Amino acid sequence: MTRTRASAKKAGTSFERMVADYLAEHVDDRIDRRVKTGAKDRGDIAGLRHHGHRLVIECKNAAKTLLGPWAGEAEVERGNDDALAGMVVHKRHGKGRPEDQWVTLTMGDLVALLTLSRDHLNNS
């Protein structure tokens, strides 16, 4: 079966809902799918925080893994949201449980999460 634009959109929406519901259940019940904001997109999941700092998640349910472009998209959205870090949660095909999905982020964002600062990125 060939994926159409409509089926891809439905799969993406369903994946975002699964990610948001899992995080809401296990992290903070205020986490939810974000309403689409157009040109100044701030990620797919709202309400995720780490020690008071906003985090951006870009969700991807795609047959082909495109980490570079996806990480770039997460970084733009992180900037739009003035968030501490951005990451990509992407579908691990063959695995249906939310806890089995992949999470990808840059080393810079990992250090930001661990130190609660983006100062190390200003020197690059």
N, C-alpha and C. Protein backbone atom coordinates (compact mmCIF):
# COMPACT_ATOMS: atom_id res chain seq x y z
N MET A 1 0.84 -1.18 0.00
CA MET A 1 0.00 0.00 0.00
C MET A 1 0.88 1.25 0.00
N THR A 2 0.63 2.14 -0.92
CA THR A 2 1.38 3.38 -1.03
C THR A 2 0.84 4.41 -0.04
N ARG A 3 1.73 5.12 0.59
CA ARG A 3 1.33 6.15 1.55
C ARG A 3 0.93 7.40 0.79
N THR A 4 -0.25 7.91 1.09
CA THR A 4 -0.71 9.16 0.50
C THR A 4 -0.44 10.29 1.48
N ARG A 5 -0.63 11.50 1.03
CA ARG A 5 -0.46 12.66 1.91
C ARG A 5 -1.41 12.55 3.11
N ALA A 6 -2.65 12.13 2.84
CA ALA A 6 -3.64 12.00 3.91
C ALA A 6 -3.26 10.90 4.89
N SER A 7 -2.79 9.75 4.39
CA SER A 7 -2.43 8.67 5.31
C SER A 7 -1.17 9.03 6.10
N ALA A 8 -0.25 9.77 5.48
CA ALA A 8 0.96 10.21 6.19
C ALA A 8 0.60 11.19 7.30
N LYS A 9 -0.32 12.10 7.00
CA LYS A 9 -0.76 13.08 8.00
C LYS A 9 -1.45 12.37 9.16
N LYS A 10 -2.30 11.38 8.84
CA LYS A 10 -3.00 10.62 9.88
C LYS A 10 -2.00 9.85 10.75
N ALA A 11 -0.99 9.23 10.12
CA ALA A 11 0.03 8.49 10.87
C ALA A 11 0.81 9.44 11.78
N GLY A 12 1.15 10.61 11.26
CA GLY A 12 1.88 11.60 12.06
C GLY A 12 1.08 12.08 13.25
N THR A 13 -0.19 12.38 13.02
CA THR A 13 -1.07 12.84 14.10
C THR A 13 -1.21 11.76 15.18
N SER A 14 -1.40 10.53 14.74
CA SER A 14 -1.53 9.41 15.68
C SER A 14 -0.25 9.21 16.49
N PHE A 15 0.90 9.34 15.83
CA PHE A 15 2.18 9.19 16.51
C PHE A 15 2.38 10.32 17.53
N GLU A 16 2.06 11.56 17.16
CA GLU A 16 2.16 12.68 18.09
C GLU A 16 1.28 12.44 19.31
N ARG A 17 0.06 11.96 19.09
CA ARG A 17 -0.87 11.70 20.19
C ARG A 17 -0.29 10.64 21.12
N MET A 18 0.28 9.57 20.55
CA MET A 18 0.87 8.51 21.36
C MET A 18 2.01 9.06 22.22
N VAL A 19 2.88 9.87 21.62
CA VAL A 19 4.02 10.45 22.35
C VAL A 19 3.52 11.36 23.46
N ALA A 20 2.58 12.25 23.14
CA ALA A 20 2.06 13.19 24.13
C ALA A 20 1.38 12.45 25.28
N ASP A 21 0.58 11.46 24.96
CA ASP A 21 -0.13 10.72 26.02
C ASP A 21 0.85 9.98 26.93
N TYR A 22 1.87 9.38 26.34
CA TYR A 22 2.86 8.66 27.14
C TYR A 22 3.61 9.62 28.08
N LEU A 23 4.03 10.76 27.55
CA LEU A 23 4.74 11.74 28.38
C LEU A 23 3.82 12.31 29.46
N ALA A 24 2.56 12.57 29.11
CA ALA A 24 1.61 13.10 30.09
C ALA A 24 1.40 12.10 31.23
N GLU A 25 1.34 10.84 30.89
CA GLU A 25 1.12 9.81 31.91
C GLU A 25 2.33 9.62 32.81
N HIS A 26 3.53 9.71 32.24
CA HIS A 26 4.73 9.36 33.00
C HIS A 26 5.60 10.53 33.44
N VAL A 27 5.33 11.73 32.92
CA VAL A 27 6.18 12.88 33.26
C VAL A 27 5.37 14.01 33.89
N ASP A 28 4.35 14.51 33.17
CA ASP A 28 3.58 15.66 33.65
C ASP A 28 2.26 15.67 32.89
N ASP A 29 1.16 15.68 33.62
CA ASP A 29 -0.16 15.58 32.97
C ASP A 29 -0.55 16.82 32.17
N ARG A 30 0.27 17.87 32.20
CA ARG A 30 0.01 19.06 31.38
C ARG A 30 0.59 18.96 29.98
N ILE A 31 1.33 17.91 29.70
CA ILE A 31 1.92 17.71 28.37
C ILE A 31 0.83 17.28 27.40
N ASP A 32 0.84 17.86 26.19
CA ASP A 32 -0.16 17.51 25.18
C ASP A 32 0.38 17.85 23.80
N ARG A 33 -0.34 17.42 22.77
CA ARG A 33 0.01 17.82 21.41
C ARG A 33 -0.14 19.33 21.31
N ARG A 34 0.77 19.96 20.58
CA ARG A 34 0.72 21.41 20.41
C ARG A 34 -0.14 21.75 19.20
N VAL A 35 -0.93 22.79 19.35
CA VAL A 35 -1.69 23.32 18.23
C VAL A 35 -0.70 23.86 17.20
N LYS A 36 -0.91 23.54 15.94
CA LYS A 36 0.00 24.01 14.88
C LYS A 36 -0.02 25.54 14.82
N THR A 37 1.18 26.14 14.71
CA THR A 37 1.29 27.60 14.75
C THR A 37 1.83 28.20 13.46
N GLY A 38 1.94 27.43 12.40
CA GLY A 38 2.36 27.98 11.11
C GLY A 38 3.84 28.24 11.02
N ALA A 39 4.21 29.42 10.53
CA ALA A 39 5.59 29.74 10.21
C ALA A 39 6.53 29.69 11.41
N LYS A 40 6.04 30.00 12.57
CA LYS A 40 6.87 30.01 13.79
C LYS A 40 6.61 28.76 14.63
N ASP A 41 6.67 27.61 13.96
CA ASP A 41 6.41 26.32 14.61
C ASP A 41 7.30 26.16 15.83
N ARG A 42 6.72 25.66 16.91
CA ARG A 42 7.46 25.48 18.17
C ARG A 42 7.47 24.02 18.60
N GLY A 43 7.35 23.10 17.64
CA GLY A 43 7.40 21.68 17.94
C GLY A 43 6.03 21.06 18.03
N ASP A 44 6.00 19.75 18.18
CA ASP A 44 4.75 19.00 18.16
C ASP A 44 4.15 18.73 19.53
N ILE A 45 4.94 18.86 20.59
CA ILE A 45 4.50 18.54 21.93
C ILE A 45 4.65 19.77 22.81
N ALA A 46 3.59 20.12 23.54
CA ALA A 46 3.60 21.29 24.42
C ALA A 46 3.65 20.84 25.88
N GLY A 47 4.23 21.69 26.72
CA GLY A 47 4.19 21.47 28.16
C GLY A 47 5.33 20.64 28.72
N LEU A 48 6.30 20.25 27.89
CA LEU A 48 7.43 19.46 28.38
C LEU A 48 8.49 20.41 28.92
N ARG A 49 8.86 20.18 30.18
CA ARG A 49 9.87 21.02 30.84
C ARG A 49 10.87 20.14 31.58
N HIS A 50 12.06 20.69 31.72
CA HIS A 50 13.12 20.02 32.48
C HIS A 50 13.71 21.07 33.41
N HIS A 51 13.51 20.89 34.71
CA HIS A 51 13.97 21.87 35.71
C HIS A 51 13.52 23.28 35.35
N GLY A 52 12.28 23.42 34.92
CA GLY A 52 11.71 24.72 34.60
C GLY A 52 12.01 25.24 33.21
N HIS A 53 12.82 24.54 32.43
CA HIS A 53 13.17 24.96 31.07
C HIS A 53 12.30 24.22 30.06
N ARG A 54 11.81 24.95 29.07
CA ARG A 54 11.03 24.32 28.00
C ARG A 54 11.91 23.43 27.13
N LEU A 55 11.33 22.32 26.68
CA LEU A 55 11.97 21.42 25.72
C LEU A 55 11.07 21.29 24.51
N VAL A 56 11.67 21.17 23.35
CA VAL A 56 10.92 21.02 22.10
C VAL A 56 11.08 19.60 21.59
N ILE A 57 9.97 19.00 21.17
CA ILE A 57 10.00 17.68 20.54
C ILE A 57 9.37 17.79 19.16
N GLU A 58 10.10 17.32 18.18
CA GLU A 58 9.58 17.17 16.82
C GLU A 58 9.33 15.68 16.63
N CYS A 59 8.10 15.30 16.33
CA CYS A 59 7.73 13.88 16.15
C CYS A 59 7.75 13.53 14.67
N LYS A 60 8.29 12.36 14.36
CA LYS A 60 8.35 11.89 12.98
C LYS A 60 7.97 10.42 12.89
N ASN A 61 7.00 10.14 12.04
CA ASN A 61 6.61 8.76 11.73
C ASN A 61 6.77 8.63 10.22
N ALA A 62 7.96 8.28 9.79
CA ALA A 62 8.29 8.24 8.37
C ALA A 62 8.99 6.92 8.04
N ALA A 63 8.82 6.48 6.81
CA ALA A 63 9.46 5.24 6.37
C ALA A 63 10.97 5.43 6.24
N LYS A 64 11.39 6.62 5.86
CA LYS A 64 12.81 6.92 5.66
C LYS A 64 13.31 7.84 6.78
N THR A 65 14.42 7.47 7.39
CA THR A 65 15.00 8.27 8.47
C THR A 65 15.87 9.37 7.88
N LEU A 66 15.56 10.61 8.25
CA LEU A 66 16.28 11.78 7.75
C LEU A 66 16.73 12.63 8.94
N LEU A 67 17.67 12.09 9.72
CA LEU A 67 18.05 12.74 10.96
C LEU A 67 18.56 14.17 10.78
N GLY A 68 19.37 14.42 9.77
CA GLY A 68 19.91 15.76 9.56
C GLY A 68 18.82 16.81 9.40
N PRO A 69 17.94 16.65 8.42
CA PRO A 69 16.84 17.61 8.27
C PRO A 69 15.93 17.69 9.49
N TRP A 70 15.66 16.54 10.11
CA TRP A 70 14.79 16.56 11.29
C TRP A 70 15.44 17.31 12.44
N ALA A 71 16.73 17.11 12.66
CA ALA A 71 17.44 17.83 13.72
C ALA A 71 17.45 19.32 13.44
N GLY A 72 17.61 19.68 12.16
CA GLY A 72 17.55 21.09 11.78
C GLY A 72 16.19 21.70 12.08
N GLU A 73 15.15 20.94 11.79
CA GLU A 73 13.79 21.40 12.08
C GLU A 73 13.58 21.57 13.59
N ALA A 74 14.06 20.61 14.37
CA ALA A 74 13.94 20.70 15.83
C ALA A 74 14.70 21.91 16.36
N GLU A 75 15.85 22.23 15.78
CA GLU A 75 16.63 23.39 16.22
C GLU A 75 15.91 24.69 15.91
N VAL A 76 15.32 24.81 14.74
CA VAL A 76 14.54 26.01 14.40
C VAL A 76 13.39 26.17 15.40
N GLU A 77 12.69 25.08 15.66
CA GLU A 77 11.56 25.11 16.59
C GLU A 77 12.02 25.43 18.01
N ARG A 78 13.18 24.91 18.41
CA ARG A 78 13.74 25.23 19.71
C ARG A 78 13.96 26.73 19.83
N GLY A 79 14.53 27.31 18.79
CA GLY A 79 14.75 28.75 18.78
C GLY A 79 13.44 29.52 18.82
N ASN A 80 12.45 29.08 18.05
CA ASN A 80 11.14 29.74 18.04
C ASN A 80 10.49 29.73 19.42
N ASP A 81 10.74 28.69 20.19
CA ASP A 81 10.14 28.53 21.52
C ASP A 81 11.06 29.02 22.63
N ASP A 82 12.26 29.49 22.28
CA ASP A 82 13.26 29.88 23.27
C ASP A 82 13.44 28.77 24.31
N ALA A 83 13.54 27.54 23.81
CA ALA A 83 13.63 26.36 24.67
C ALA A 83 15.09 26.01 24.97
N LEU A 84 15.28 25.24 26.00
CA LEU A 84 16.62 24.79 26.39
C LEU A 84 17.21 23.82 25.37
N ALA A 85 16.39 22.89 24.90
CA ALA A 85 16.88 21.86 23.98
C ALA A 85 15.74 21.39 23.07
N GLY A 86 16.15 20.88 21.93
CA GLY A 86 15.20 20.29 21.00
C GLY A 86 15.61 18.86 20.69
N MET A 87 14.64 18.02 20.41
CA MET A 87 14.93 16.62 20.09
C MET A 87 13.89 16.10 19.12
N VAL A 88 14.23 14.99 18.50
CA VAL A 88 13.33 14.33 17.56
C VAL A 88 12.92 13.00 18.17
N VAL A 89 11.62 12.75 18.25
CA VAL A 89 11.12 11.44 18.62
C VAL A 89 10.64 10.83 17.31
N HIS A 90 11.26 9.70 16.92
CA HIS A 90 10.88 9.12 15.64
C HIS A 90 10.51 7.66 15.79
N LYS A 91 9.62 7.26 14.88
CA LYS A 91 9.02 5.94 14.91
C LYS A 91 10.07 4.86 14.73
N ARG A 92 10.01 3.89 15.60
CA ARG A 92 10.85 2.69 15.49
C ARG A 92 9.95 1.61 14.89
N HIS A 93 10.04 1.44 13.61
CA HIS A 93 9.14 0.54 12.90
C HIS A 93 9.26 -0.89 13.41
N GLY A 94 8.11 -1.51 13.56
CA GLY A 94 8.04 -2.85 14.13
C GLY A 94 7.84 -2.83 15.63
N LYS A 95 7.86 -1.63 16.22
CA LYS A 95 7.67 -1.47 17.66
C LYS A 95 6.51 -0.49 17.87
N GLY A 96 5.44 -0.95 18.50
CA GLY A 96 4.26 -0.12 18.65
C GLY A 96 4.14 0.61 19.97
N ARG A 97 4.90 0.18 20.98
CA ARG A 97 4.78 0.81 22.30
C ARG A 97 5.53 2.14 22.31
N PRO A 98 4.97 3.16 22.95
CA PRO A 98 5.63 4.47 22.96
C PRO A 98 7.03 4.43 23.57
N GLU A 99 7.22 3.61 24.59
CA GLU A 99 8.53 3.56 25.26
C GLU A 99 9.61 2.93 24.40
N ASP A 100 9.25 2.33 23.28
CA ASP A 100 10.23 1.70 22.39
C ASP A 100 10.67 2.60 21.23
N GLN A 101 10.14 3.82 21.15
CA GLN A 101 10.45 4.71 20.02
C GLN A 101 11.83 5.34 20.23
N TRP A 102 12.39 5.85 19.14
CA TRP A 102 13.73 6.46 19.18
C TRP A 102 13.64 7.94 19.56
N VAL A 103 14.66 8.42 20.26
CA VAL A 103 14.84 9.84 20.56
C VAL A 103 16.23 10.22 20.10
N THR A 104 16.32 11.28 19.29
CA THR A 104 17.60 11.74 18.77
C THR A 104 17.76 13.22 19.11
N LEU A 105 18.95 13.58 19.58
CA LEU A 105 19.28 14.97 19.82
C LEU A 105 20.76 15.17 19.59
N THR A 106 21.16 16.42 19.42
CA THR A 106 22.57 16.71 19.22
C THR A 106 23.33 16.63 20.54
N MET A 107 24.61 16.50 20.47
CA MET A 107 25.45 16.50 21.67
C MET A 107 25.30 17.84 22.40
N GLY A 108 25.19 18.92 21.64
CA GLY A 108 24.99 20.24 22.25
C GLY A 108 23.72 20.30 23.07
N ASP A 109 22.64 19.71 22.55
CA ASP A 109 21.38 19.69 23.30
C ASP A 109 21.47 18.75 24.50
N LEU A 110 22.21 17.66 24.37
CA LEU A 110 22.40 16.76 25.51
C LEU A 110 23.14 17.50 26.63
N VAL A 111 24.18 18.22 26.30
CA VAL A 111 24.94 18.98 27.30
C VAL A 111 24.04 20.07 27.91
N ALA A 112 23.21 20.71 27.09
CA ALA A 112 22.28 21.72 27.62
C ALA A 112 21.33 21.09 28.64
N LEU A 113 20.83 19.90 28.34
CA LEU A 113 19.94 19.22 29.28
C LEU A 113 20.66 18.88 30.58
N LEU A 114 21.88 18.41 30.48
CA LEU A 114 22.63 17.99 31.65
C LEU A 114 23.11 19.15 32.51
N THR A 115 23.42 20.29 31.87
CA THR A 115 23.95 21.44 32.61
C THR A 115 22.92 22.55 32.81
N LEU A 116 21.76 22.42 32.15
CA LEU A 116 20.69 23.43 32.19
C LEU A 116 21.15 24.77 31.63
N SER A 117 22.04 24.72 30.66
CA SER A 117 22.58 25.94 30.06
C SER A 117 22.96 25.68 28.59
N ARG A 118 22.79 26.71 27.77
CA ARG A 118 23.23 26.66 26.39
C ARG A 118 24.52 27.47 26.19
N ASP A 119 25.11 27.93 27.28
CA ASP A 119 26.30 28.78 27.19
C ASP A 119 27.43 28.14 26.41
N HIS A 120 27.60 26.85 26.51
CA HIS A 120 28.69 26.16 25.80
C HIS A 120 28.52 26.25 24.29
N LEU A 121 27.31 26.53 23.82
CA LEU A 121 27.05 26.62 22.38
C LEU A 121 27.39 27.99 21.81
N ASN A 122 27.55 28.99 22.65
CA ASN A 122 27.87 30.34 22.20
C ASN A 122 29.32 30.46 21.76
N ASN A 123 30.15 29.48 22.12
CA ASN A 123 31.57 29.53 21.79
C ASN A 123 31.90 28.81 20.50
N SER A 124 30.89 28.25 19.83
CA SER A 124 31.15 27.45 18.61
C SER A 124 31.35 28.33 17.42
